[in-house]
Amino acid sequence: MGISAASSASEAMKLCIFDLRRGQHEGQELDKILYFFPADLPFPTQLSVIGLSEGLITFTRIFSPEAPCEVIEAEMHSHVFYEAERDIWMVMVVEKSESETIWRTAALRSVLKEVHSLFVMFHGSIRALLDREPSGGLTRTHLYYFIMDYLSDFLSGKKLHLPNFRDSLKERGMVQMLTIGREAALEVQSLVRVLESCAGCKQSYSLIMFQDLLVSTTLSPDDLINLFTYTVMRLTPNALSAGASSWSYLRKGSTTSNASASLSTSSNSVLDRYYNSRDTSPVGVRSYQVVRPLQHEKWSKGKDGFLVTDIWGTEVGSLSPSSPTIWLKQTEERMYLCAFQHKSLTIILLIPVTSVHNGEQGLSVVKQQILENASPKIFKVEEKLSRGWGGENAYHVSGYRYLLVDGDKYISRASPPGKVTTLTKDSLVAMSKLREEVDLEKSRAKCDGSDCEKDQEICIRAKNGAWVISRLTRGKELYMVLEKANETLLYASEAVEKFSDRYCSGVFSL
């Protein structure tokens, strides 16, 4: 079947989600499996992977009850653990069989964190879904389609490309911002106020993006990261252009619906196979109609500038698409997602479902208010930002390949991917290993309860003679590769000082 072709090329990676509270009695072991990839692996193999993972979790809890294992390194595999919710675990098992399989554990865990955070934004917590329908059929169906659609972003041909050493100057779970001048900032502030008045309620939130970069938002950090990630994945002009290349780390490989289809062509067969193997199985997967917000090529721009999709189905008694909704983590409210786009500017307005009277009709009134009152300001802001935009290489610094991370504000900035690809493999592998060391030190500091924000500097000379450098100070991190630097460490250190003084306000200067 269709998924077999994909799974045969994906045996180097296994991904499972299981619930430690389920399937504890003999004969009910399958009940604990909520998701498994590849889905067509024999059940004994699935249970073997989950049984080993459960054993490792139980064993490590003896020594660290509050912080069980995050990774187990075996000779041929890495096992990466993430407790997404209480007693609900996500485990990724990756094979060390190829030259490209040099990765950071933290980068792989960030993939697990990201897919879970996005899932909760659209469907609510996994535990809440299980409590609502204890058989687990609805939860499994939601997870299956959602994760398969998510994994399609990593698919190139029939091969999954997970984050590896070539992504060592990227950081998932961060926001990339556009730097703007004072005049443009004032125009953006004015636009935000107009958008709030158009929403007609105090609990609305907005997000404004130019290209794949954040301009302004009123969201909390957690909600911002989730919505920013989804917007870059599916809503920005780059995302709407089928097959368009993107300089954002969030999209690579094939971005067409063919990629998703190759992973989930026989989804009904796979899910039915699972359900039919259980005595307490629901009627079948076809009895569950689930929303698939990560499907490719399901959003389009309407003539009025608003983005439309039929992902959420249609209104009862009407052929009009239902408006998208998401859950906000901060307020625990379901919000209507109203997206408007003008050229390179994408605007997201979130409005509480409970504050919109008459449902879709009430939302149409809000959209009309935006067209009448906010359009002139939207056009003006887009024009100003476009005039000052330096293109996808706007943040390139000649001679440097770098990554800046502000962990307190969840913001990162990096050399453009096109420039990073000019680095040699030796440089990228050295940076990946350096970052693994930094991750390990931060993890130790967290476990020991010591100051994990202490100043730290590491300099490594790679095999090819390049300098690979990290500096950490007060919650901020700088990673840098200097391939054309002088042979002396002093020269490399001075180059970092110049970069810090000119582009980081001296934050990383010694």
Protein backbone atom coordinates (compact mmCIF):
# COMPACT_ATOMS: atom_id res chain seq x y z
CA MET A 1 0.00 0.00 0.00
CA GLY A 2 1.01 3.64 -0.42
CA ILE A 3 2.49 4.12 3.01
CA SER A 4 4.71 1.07 2.64
CA ALA A 5 6.76 2.77 -0.04
CA ALA A 6 7.33 5.69 2.26
CA SER A 7 8.03 3.60 5.34
CA SER A 8 10.57 1.43 3.57
CA ALA A 9 12.59 4.58 2.97
CA SER A 10 11.90 5.82 6.50
CA GLU A 11 12.99 2.80 8.53
CA ALA A 12 15.91 4.87 9.78
CA MET A 13 13.40 6.79 11.93
CA LYS A 14 10.62 5.62 14.20
CA LEU A 15 8.27 7.97 16.03
CA CYS A 16 5.75 6.91 18.64
CA ILE A 17 3.36 8.45 21.13
CA PHE A 18 2.06 6.37 24.02
CA ASP A 19 0.12 6.83 27.26
CA LEU A 20 1.59 5.25 30.38
CA ARG A 21 -1.87 5.20 32.00
CA ARG A 22 -3.32 2.90 29.36
CA GLY A 23 -2.78 -0.73 28.43
CA GLN A 24 -1.39 -1.84 31.78
CA HIS A 25 -3.25 -5.18 31.84
CA GLU A 26 -2.33 -8.29 29.89
CA GLY A 27 -4.01 -8.43 26.50
CA GLN A 28 -4.59 -4.64 26.44
CA GLU A 29 -1.05 -3.55 25.56
CA LEU A 30 -2.07 -2.09 22.18
CA ASP A 31 -4.34 0.37 23.96
CA LYS A 32 -1.35 2.44 25.08
CA ILE A 33 -0.25 3.16 21.48
CA LEU A 34 -1.62 6.52 20.34
CA TYR A 35 0.60 6.94 17.28
CA PHE A 36 3.40 5.05 15.57
CA PHE A 37 5.47 5.78 12.49
CA PRO A 38 5.96 3.89 10.23
CA ALA A 39 2.36 2.85 10.83
CA ASP A 40 2.56 -0.41 8.89
CA LEU A 41 5.21 -1.99 11.12
CA PRO A 42 3.99 -5.23 12.76
CA PHE A 43 2.38 -4.69 16.15
CA PRO A 44 4.99 -6.83 17.96
CA THR A 45 7.68 -4.47 16.62
CA GLN A 46 5.71 -1.40 17.72
CA LEU A 47 5.17 -2.86 21.19
CA SER A 48 8.85 -3.78 21.41
CA VAL A 49 9.92 -0.16 20.75
CA ILE A 50 7.37 1.24 23.19
CA GLY A 51 8.14 -1.43 25.81
CA LEU A 52 11.85 -0.57 25.69
CA SER A 53 11.05 3.15 25.92
CA GLU A 54 8.72 2.59 28.86
CA GLY A 55 11.39 0.55 30.63
CA LEU A 56 14.01 3.26 30.14
CA ILE A 57 11.63 5.92 31.46
CA THR A 58 10.79 3.82 34.54
CA PHE A 59 14.47 3.04 35.21
CA THR A 60 15.72 6.63 34.91
CA ARG A 61 12.91 7.90 37.14
CA ILE A 62 14.51 5.96 39.99
CA PHE A 63 17.47 8.35 39.89
CA SER A 64 15.67 11.48 38.67
CA PRO A 65 11.92 11.41 39.47
CA GLU A 66 11.22 14.92 38.19
CA ALA A 67 13.44 14.77 35.10
CA PRO A 68 13.57 11.30 33.51
CA CYS A 69 15.67 10.51 30.48
CA GLU A 70 15.89 12.87 27.52
CA VAL A 71 18.12 10.72 25.33
CA ILE A 72 19.64 7.24 25.32
CA GLU A 73 22.57 6.65 22.98
CA ALA A 74 22.99 3.07 21.75
CA GLU A 75 25.58 1.78 19.29
CA MET A 76 23.23 1.86 16.29
CA HIS A 77 20.40 4.17 17.44
CA SER A 78 19.60 7.34 19.36
CA HIS A 79 16.41 7.31 21.45
CA VAL A 80 15.06 10.84 22.00
CA PHE A 81 12.37 11.29 24.68
CA TYR A 82 9.87 14.07 25.31
CA GLU A 83 7.10 14.01 27.90
CA ALA A 84 4.57 16.10 25.99
CA GLU A 85 1.92 15.88 28.72
CA ARG A 86 1.81 14.11 32.07
CA ASP A 87 2.39 10.38 31.33
CA ILE A 88 2.04 10.96 27.57
CA TRP A 89 5.42 10.39 25.92
CA MET A 90 6.78 11.04 22.47
CA VAL A 91 9.84 9.00 21.47
CA MET A 92 11.92 9.29 18.32
CA VAL A 93 14.33 6.49 17.44
CA VAL A 94 16.87 7.40 14.76
CA GLU A 95 19.37 5.07 13.16
CA LYS A 96 23.09 5.89 12.97
CA SER A 97 23.65 4.33 9.59
CA GLU A 98 24.41 7.16 7.19
CA SER A 99 27.07 9.81 6.79
CA GLU A 100 24.39 12.49 7.18
CA THR A 101 23.18 11.15 10.55
CA ILE A 102 25.13 13.57 12.71
CA TRP A 103 22.60 15.48 14.75
CA ARG A 104 21.97 17.37 17.95
CA THR A 105 19.63 15.68 20.39
CA ALA A 106 18.12 19.06 21.28
CA ALA A 107 17.28 19.68 17.62
CA LEU A 108 15.43 16.36 17.39
CA ARG A 109 13.59 17.03 20.66
CA SER A 110 12.58 20.43 19.31
CA VAL A 111 10.79 18.64 16.45
CA LEU A 112 8.78 16.63 19.00
CA LYS A 113 8.00 19.78 20.99
CA GLU A 114 6.95 21.68 17.88
CA VAL A 115 4.56 19.07 16.50
CA HIS A 116 2.92 18.65 19.92
CA SER A 117 2.55 22.41 20.45
CA LEU A 118 0.98 22.83 17.02
CA PHE A 119 -1.35 19.88 17.66
CA VAL A 120 -2.57 21.42 20.92
CA MET A 121 -3.11 24.77 19.21
CA PHE A 122 -5.58 23.19 16.81
CA HIS A 123 -7.07 20.24 18.71
CA GLY A 124 -6.46 20.88 22.41
CA SER A 125 -4.42 18.62 24.68
CA ILE A 126 -4.12 14.89 24.02
CA ARG A 127 -5.26 14.14 27.57
CA ALA A 128 -8.42 16.21 27.12
CA LEU A 129 -9.21 14.31 23.90
CA LEU A 130 -8.72 10.97 25.67
CA ASP A 131 -10.92 12.04 28.57
CA ARG A 132 -13.62 13.10 26.14
CA GLU A 133 -13.51 9.78 24.26
CA PRO A 134 -11.79 7.08 26.39
CA SER A 135 -11.67 4.50 23.56
CA GLY A 136 -8.92 6.66 21.99
CA GLY A 137 -10.18 6.26 18.42
CA LEU A 138 -10.70 9.98 17.85
CA THR A 139 -7.34 10.86 19.39
CA ARG A 140 -5.47 8.32 17.25
CA THR A 141 -7.15 9.58 14.08
CA HIS A 142 -6.32 13.20 14.93
CA LEU A 143 -2.69 12.33 15.69
CA TYR A 144 -2.25 10.14 12.64
CA TYR A 145 -3.33 12.72 10.06
CA PHE A 146 -1.74 15.65 11.88
CA ILE A 147 1.71 14.10 12.28
CA MET A 148 1.75 12.61 8.79
CA ASP A 149 0.95 16.04 7.34
CA TYR A 150 3.66 17.54 9.56
CA LEU A 151 6.28 14.98 8.53
CA SER A 152 5.58 15.68 4.86
CA ASP A 153 7.49 18.95 5.30
CA PHE A 154 10.63 16.88 5.95
CA LEU A 155 10.07 14.64 2.95
CA SER A 156 12.24 14.91 -0.14
CA GLY A 157 11.38 12.22 -2.66
CA LYS A 158 10.82 9.19 -0.44
CA LYS A 159 13.32 10.18 2.23
CA LEU A 160 12.73 12.02 5.47
CA HIS A 161 15.37 14.66 6.19
CA LEU A 162 15.34 15.38 9.91
CA PRO A 163 17.49 18.20 11.37
CA ASN A 164 21.16 17.20 11.17
CA PHE A 165 24.57 18.87 11.20
CA ARG A 166 23.66 20.91 8.11
CA ASP A 167 21.08 22.72 10.28
CA SER A 168 23.54 23.59 13.05
CA LEU A 169 23.11 27.33 12.42
CA LYS A 170 19.33 27.19 12.77
CA GLU A 171 17.11 27.18 15.85
CA ARG A 172 13.59 25.74 15.89
CA GLY A 173 10.99 27.13 18.27
CA MET A 174 12.14 30.72 17.82
CA VAL A 175 10.75 33.76 16.03
CA GLN A 176 12.65 35.67 13.35
CA MET A 177 11.93 39.39 13.37
CA LEU A 178 12.16 42.15 10.80
CA THR A 179 14.23 45.16 11.83
CA ILE A 180 12.34 48.37 11.05
CA GLY A 181 12.93 52.08 11.50
CA ARG A 182 11.09 54.45 13.83
CA GLU A 183 8.78 55.86 11.16
CA ALA A 184 7.68 52.41 10.02
CA ALA A 185 7.24 51.29 13.65
CA LEU A 186 4.84 54.16 14.29
CA GLU A 187 2.79 53.21 11.23
CA VAL A 188 2.66 49.59 12.44
CA GLN A 189 1.48 50.69 15.90
CA SER A 190 -1.27 52.75 14.31
CA LEU A 191 -2.34 49.74 12.20
CA VAL A 192 -2.50 47.50 15.29
CA ARG A 193 -4.86 49.96 17.01
CA VAL A 194 -7.11 50.03 13.97
CA LEU A 195 -7.20 46.23 13.81
CA GLU A 196 -8.20 46.08 17.48
CA SER A 197 -11.07 48.50 16.85
CA CYS A 198 -12.20 46.43 13.85
CA ALA A 199 -12.34 43.28 16.01
CA GLY A 200 -14.84 44.98 18.28
CA CYS A 201 -13.64 43.30 21.49
CA LYS A 202 -10.83 43.80 23.99
CA GLN A 203 -9.71 40.16 23.94
CA SER A 204 -8.56 40.13 20.30
CA TYR A 205 -4.94 39.56 19.28
CA SER A 206 -2.98 40.38 16.16
CA LEU A 207 0.14 39.21 14.35
CA ILE A 208 1.72 41.12 11.47
CA MET A 209 4.37 39.54 9.24
CA PHE A 210 6.41 40.72 6.29
CA GLN A 211 7.59 37.84 4.11
CA ASP A 212 8.54 35.16 6.69
CA LEU A 213 9.53 37.66 9.39
CA LEU A 214 7.58 38.99 12.37
CA VAL A 215 6.81 42.70 12.42
CA SER A 216 4.44 43.05 15.37
CA THR A 217 2.28 40.95 17.70
CA THR A 218 0.13 41.24 20.83
CA LEU A 219 0.32 37.49 21.62
CA SER A 220 2.06 35.82 24.55
CA PRO A 221 5.42 34.15 23.70
CA ASP A 222 4.08 30.56 23.66
CA ASP A 223 1.09 31.40 21.48
CA LEU A 224 3.26 33.60 19.27
CA ILE A 225 5.74 30.80 18.50
CA ASN A 226 2.94 28.40 17.55
CA LEU A 227 1.08 30.85 15.32
CA PHE A 228 4.29 32.21 13.80
CA THR A 229 5.38 28.66 12.94
CA TYR A 230 2.05 27.82 11.32
CA THR A 231 1.93 31.09 9.41
CA VAL A 232 5.38 30.49 7.90
CA MET A 233 4.51 26.87 7.13
CA ARG A 234 1.18 27.50 5.38
CA LEU A 235 0.05 31.15 5.15
CA THR A 236 2.79 33.55 4.02
CA PRO A 237 3.17 34.39 0.30
CA ASN A 238 6.08 31.94 0.08
CA ALA A 239 3.94 29.18 1.58
CA LEU A 240 1.02 29.88 -0.76
CA SER A 241 3.26 29.68 -3.82
CA ALA A 242 3.21 25.97 -4.59
CA GLY A 243 6.71 24.58 -4.75
CA ALA A 244 8.29 27.97 -4.09
CA SER A 245 11.72 27.91 -2.53
CA SER A 246 11.92 29.46 0.91
CA TRP A 247 14.81 30.81 2.93
CA SER A 248 12.99 29.96 6.15
CA TYR A 249 14.19 26.91 8.11
CA LEU A 250 10.56 25.84 8.50
CA ARG A 251 10.17 24.65 4.94
CA LYS A 252 12.53 22.49 2.97
CA GLY A 253 12.29 19.64 0.53
CA SER A 254 9.01 19.04 -1.26
CA THR A 255 6.16 21.34 -0.26
CA THR A 256 3.52 19.94 -2.56
CA SER A 257 0.56 17.80 -1.69
CA ASN A 258 2.34 14.86 -3.34
CA ALA A 259 4.72 14.65 -0.38
CA SER A 260 1.87 14.34 2.09
CA ALA A 261 0.06 11.89 -0.14
CA SER A 262 3.08 9.59 -0.35
CA LEU A 263 3.05 9.32 3.43
CA SER A 264 -0.68 8.85 3.98
CA THR A 265 -2.19 7.43 0.80
CA SER A 266 -3.52 4.38 2.58
CA SER A 267 -4.37 6.04 5.88
CA ASN A 268 -7.77 4.41 6.15
CA SER A 269 -6.26 0.96 5.65
CA VAL A 270 -3.58 1.59 8.28
CA LEU A 271 -6.01 2.92 10.88
CA ASP A 272 -8.63 0.27 10.18
CA ARG A 273 -5.92 -2.36 10.58
CA TYR A 274 -5.15 -0.98 14.03
CA TYR A 275 -8.78 -0.70 15.13
CA ASN A 276 -9.75 -4.14 13.84
CA SER A 277 -6.97 -5.74 15.88
CA ARG A 278 -8.60 -4.66 19.15
CA ASP A 279 -11.62 -6.22 20.79
CA THR A 280 -12.80 -2.78 21.91
CA SER A 281 -12.27 -1.11 18.54
CA PRO A 282 -14.57 1.70 17.42
CA VAL A 283 -16.66 1.27 14.29
CA GLY A 284 -13.77 2.39 12.09
CA VAL A 285 -11.74 5.38 11.05
CA ARG A 286 -14.36 6.54 8.58
CA SER A 287 -16.69 7.38 11.47
CA TYR A 288 -14.27 10.16 12.51
CA GLN A 289 -14.25 13.37 10.50
CA VAL A 290 -11.14 15.25 11.59
CA VAL A 291 -9.72 18.64 10.68
CA ARG A 292 -6.30 18.53 8.97
CA PRO A 293 -4.83 22.05 9.33
CA LEU A 294 -1.36 21.06 8.09
CA GLN A 295 -2.51 19.81 4.69
CA HIS A 296 -0.62 21.36 1.80
CA GLU A 297 -2.17 23.64 -0.81
CA LYS A 298 -5.41 24.07 1.12
CA TRP A 299 -5.14 27.83 1.63
CA SER A 300 -5.65 30.43 -1.09
CA LYS A 301 -6.00 34.18 -1.35
CA GLY A 302 -9.47 35.49 -2.16
CA LYS A 303 -10.22 38.48 -4.36
CA ASP A 304 -10.80 40.65 -1.27
CA GLY A 305 -7.36 39.77 0.15
CA PHE A 306 -8.56 37.41 2.89
CA LEU A 307 -7.08 33.90 2.98
CA VAL A 308 -9.65 31.13 2.64
CA THR A 309 -9.63 27.37 3.18
CA ASP A 310 -12.10 24.51 3.34
CA ILE A 311 -10.03 22.59 5.89
CA TRP A 312 -12.57 23.27 8.65
CA GLY A 313 -15.48 22.06 6.48
CA THR A 314 -18.53 24.08 5.51
CA GLU A 315 -21.28 25.82 7.41
CA VAL A 316 -24.42 23.83 8.14
CA GLY A 317 -26.92 24.40 5.34
CA SER A 318 -24.40 26.36 3.28
CA LEU A 319 -21.59 25.81 0.79
CA SER A 320 -19.44 28.53 2.42
CA PRO A 321 -16.27 27.30 4.19
CA SER A 322 -16.28 27.42 7.98
CA SER A 323 -13.79 29.85 9.49
CA PRO A 324 -10.58 28.42 10.99
CA THR A 325 -10.25 28.29 14.77
CA ILE A 326 -7.32 27.71 17.14
CA TRP A 327 -6.81 27.38 20.91
CA LEU A 328 -4.76 30.00 22.75
CA LYS A 329 -2.57 28.58 25.50
CA GLN A 330 -2.52 31.76 27.59
CA THR A 331 -6.28 32.32 27.80
CA GLU A 332 -7.46 28.75 27.06
CA GLU A 333 -9.96 30.24 24.62
CA ARG A 334 -10.96 29.11 21.15
CA MET A 335 -10.32 31.91 18.66
CA TYR A 336 -11.38 32.60 15.10
CA LEU A 337 -8.33 32.95 12.84
CA CYS A 338 -8.88 35.74 10.32
CA ALA A 339 -5.99 36.12 7.83
CA PHE A 340 -5.53 38.99 5.37
CA GLN A 341 -2.71 39.38 2.86
CA HIS A 342 -1.49 42.29 0.76
CA LYS A 343 1.58 41.60 -1.35
CA SER A 344 4.33 40.61 1.15
CA LEU A 345 2.33 41.59 4.25
CA THR A 346 0.32 38.94 6.13
CA ILE A 347 -2.01 39.97 8.96
CA ILE A 348 -3.57 37.53 11.41
CA LEU A 349 -6.41 38.70 13.64
CA LEU A 350 -7.60 36.38 16.42
CA ILE A 351 -11.09 36.94 17.82
CA PRO A 352 -12.72 34.93 20.65
CA VAL A 353 -15.43 32.64 19.27
CA THR A 354 -17.65 33.60 22.23
CA SER A 355 -17.48 37.32 21.37
CA VAL A 356 -18.67 36.94 17.75
CA HIS A 357 -22.46 36.99 17.57
CA ASN A 358 -24.19 35.05 14.79
CA GLY A 359 -21.02 33.08 14.05
CA GLU A 360 -19.91 33.42 10.43
CA GLN A 361 -22.19 36.39 9.82
CA GLY A 362 -20.60 38.26 12.70
CA LEU A 363 -17.15 37.43 11.36
CA SER A 364 -18.13 38.78 7.94
CA VAL A 365 -18.90 42.11 9.62
CA VAL A 366 -15.40 42.16 11.15
CA LYS A 367 -13.84 41.45 7.74
CA GLN A 368 -15.83 44.27 6.19
CA GLN A 369 -14.60 46.62 8.93
CA ILE A 370 -11.01 45.65 8.09
CA LEU A 371 -11.55 46.31 4.38
CA GLU A 372 -13.15 49.69 5.03
CA ASN A 373 -11.04 51.01 7.91
CA ALA A 374 -7.70 49.21 7.89
CA SER A 375 -6.92 48.79 4.18
CA PRO A 376 -5.30 52.22 3.67
CA LYS A 377 -2.97 51.65 6.61
CA ILE A 378 -2.20 48.09 5.48
CA PHE A 379 -1.19 49.37 2.04
CA LYS A 380 0.96 52.11 3.58
CA VAL A 381 2.75 49.74 5.99
CA GLU A 382 3.47 47.23 3.22
CA GLU A 383 4.88 49.98 1.00
CA LYS A 384 7.19 51.28 3.75
CA LEU A 385 8.45 47.82 4.70
CA SER A 386 9.03 46.85 1.07
CA ARG A 387 11.01 50.04 0.48
CA GLY A 388 13.38 49.22 3.36
CA TRP A 389 13.59 45.46 2.71
CA GLY A 390 17.02 44.20 1.72
CA GLY A 391 15.87 40.84 0.38
CA GLU A 392 16.52 37.35 1.68
CA ASN A 393 20.19 38.22 2.25
CA ALA A 394 19.33 41.29 4.32
CA TYR A 395 20.94 39.87 7.45
CA HIS A 396 24.04 38.46 5.79
CA VAL A 397 27.32 39.71 7.26
CA SER A 398 30.25 39.27 4.91
CA GLY A 399 32.87 36.85 6.23
CA TYR A 400 30.63 35.52 8.99
CA ARG A 401 28.26 32.58 9.27
CA TYR A 402 26.35 33.01 12.51
CA LEU A 403 23.34 32.24 14.67
CA LEU A 404 22.04 34.59 17.37
CA VAL A 405 19.58 33.28 19.96
CA ASP A 406 17.77 35.29 22.63
CA GLY A 407 16.28 32.60 24.87
CA ASP A 408 14.41 35.11 27.04
CA LYS A 409 12.54 36.70 24.14
CA TYR A 410 12.38 33.54 21.95
CA ILE A 411 13.99 35.40 19.05
CA SER A 412 16.73 34.20 16.72
CA ARG A 413 18.59 35.59 13.75
CA ALA A 414 20.95 33.73 11.47
CA SER A 415 22.94 33.89 8.29
CA PRO A 416 20.69 33.20 5.27
CA PRO A 417 20.49 29.45 4.48
CA GLY A 418 21.92 30.12 1.03
CA LYS A 419 25.07 31.52 2.63
CA VAL A 420 25.32 28.70 5.20
CA THR A 421 25.38 26.14 2.37
CA THR A 422 28.75 27.57 1.29
CA LEU A 423 30.34 26.15 4.48
CA THR A 424 32.21 22.88 4.23
CA LYS A 425 30.97 19.71 5.89
CA ASP A 426 33.88 19.81 8.36
CA SER A 427 32.79 23.26 9.57
CA LEU A 428 29.15 22.27 9.96
CA VAL A 429 29.98 19.01 11.76
CA ALA A 430 32.28 20.90 14.14
CA MET A 431 29.52 23.43 14.87
CA SER A 432 27.02 20.64 15.48
CA LYS A 433 29.37 18.98 17.98
CA LEU A 434 30.09 22.31 19.67
CA ARG A 435 26.37 23.00 20.09
CA GLU A 436 25.89 19.49 21.48
CA GLU A 437 28.48 20.35 24.15
CA VAL A 438 26.68 23.61 24.95
CA ASP A 439 23.33 21.78 25.17
CA LEU A 440 24.88 19.25 27.56
CA GLU A 441 26.28 21.98 29.80
CA LYS A 442 22.91 23.75 29.91
CA SER A 443 21.16 20.48 30.74
CA ARG A 444 23.61 19.75 33.56
CA ALA A 445 23.16 23.24 34.97
CA LYS A 446 19.39 22.82 34.88
CA CYS A 447 19.54 19.46 36.67
CA ASP A 448 21.96 20.80 39.29
CA GLY A 449 19.86 23.90 39.86
CA SER A 450 22.91 26.05 39.19
CA ASP A 451 23.07 29.24 37.16
CA CYS A 452 22.51 28.16 33.55
CA GLU A 453 22.98 31.74 32.34
CA LYS A 454 26.61 32.05 33.36
CA ASP A 455 29.01 33.42 30.76
CA GLN A 456 30.64 30.77 28.63
CA GLU A 457 32.91 30.69 25.60
CA ILE A 458 34.08 27.73 23.51
CA CYS A 459 36.46 27.93 20.54
CA ILE A 460 37.23 24.91 18.35
CA ARG A 461 39.58 24.58 15.41
CA ALA A 462 37.89 22.36 12.83
CA LYS A 463 39.73 19.84 10.62
CA ASN A 464 39.64 22.29 7.72
CA GLY A 465 41.22 25.07 9.79
CA ALA A 466 37.98 27.01 10.38
CA TRP A 467 37.24 28.53 13.77
CA VAL A 468 33.96 27.42 15.34
CA ILE A 469 32.94 29.62 18.26
CA SER A 470 30.15 29.92 20.82
CA ARG A 471 29.58 32.66 23.37
CA LEU A 472 26.81 32.61 25.97
CA THR A 473 25.91 35.46 28.28
CA ARG A 474 22.78 36.45 30.21
CA GLY A 475 20.37 34.18 28.32
CA LYS A 476 21.76 35.11 24.91
CA GLU A 477 23.78 32.82 22.64
CA LEU A 478 26.06 33.47 19.67
CA TYR A 479 27.35 30.71 17.40
CA MET A 480 29.79 31.52 14.63
CA VAL A 481 31.88 29.84 11.92
CA LEU A 482 34.90 31.66 10.50
CA GLU A 483 36.34 29.71 7.59
CA LYS A 484 38.60 32.41 6.25
CA ALA A 485 39.96 33.58 9.56
CA ASN A 486 43.67 33.83 10.35
CA GLU A 487 45.34 30.85 12.01
CA THR A 488 45.60 32.54 15.39
CA LEU A 489 42.92 32.36 18.06
CA LEU A 490 43.48 36.07 18.74
CA TYR A 491 42.37 36.93 15.20
CA ALA A 492 39.20 34.85 15.56
CA SER A 493 38.45 36.40 18.96
CA GLU A 494 38.84 39.92 17.56
CA ALA A 495 36.48 39.04 14.68
CA VAL A 496 33.82 37.99 17.20
CA GLU A 497 34.36 41.22 19.17
CA LYS A 498 33.83 43.31 16.02
CA PHE A 499 30.63 41.40 15.21
CA SER A 500 29.33 41.79 18.78
CA ASP A 501 30.05 45.53 18.91
CA ARG A 502 28.52 46.27 15.51
CA TYR A 503 25.49 43.94 15.41
CA CYS A 504 24.78 42.97 19.04
CA SER A 505 25.34 46.22 20.95
CA GLY A 506 28.42 44.69 22.56
CA VAL A 507 26.45 42.00 24.40
CA PHE A 508 29.02 39.29 23.57
CA SER A 509 32.11 41.47 23.98
CA LEU A 510 34.52 40.31 26.66
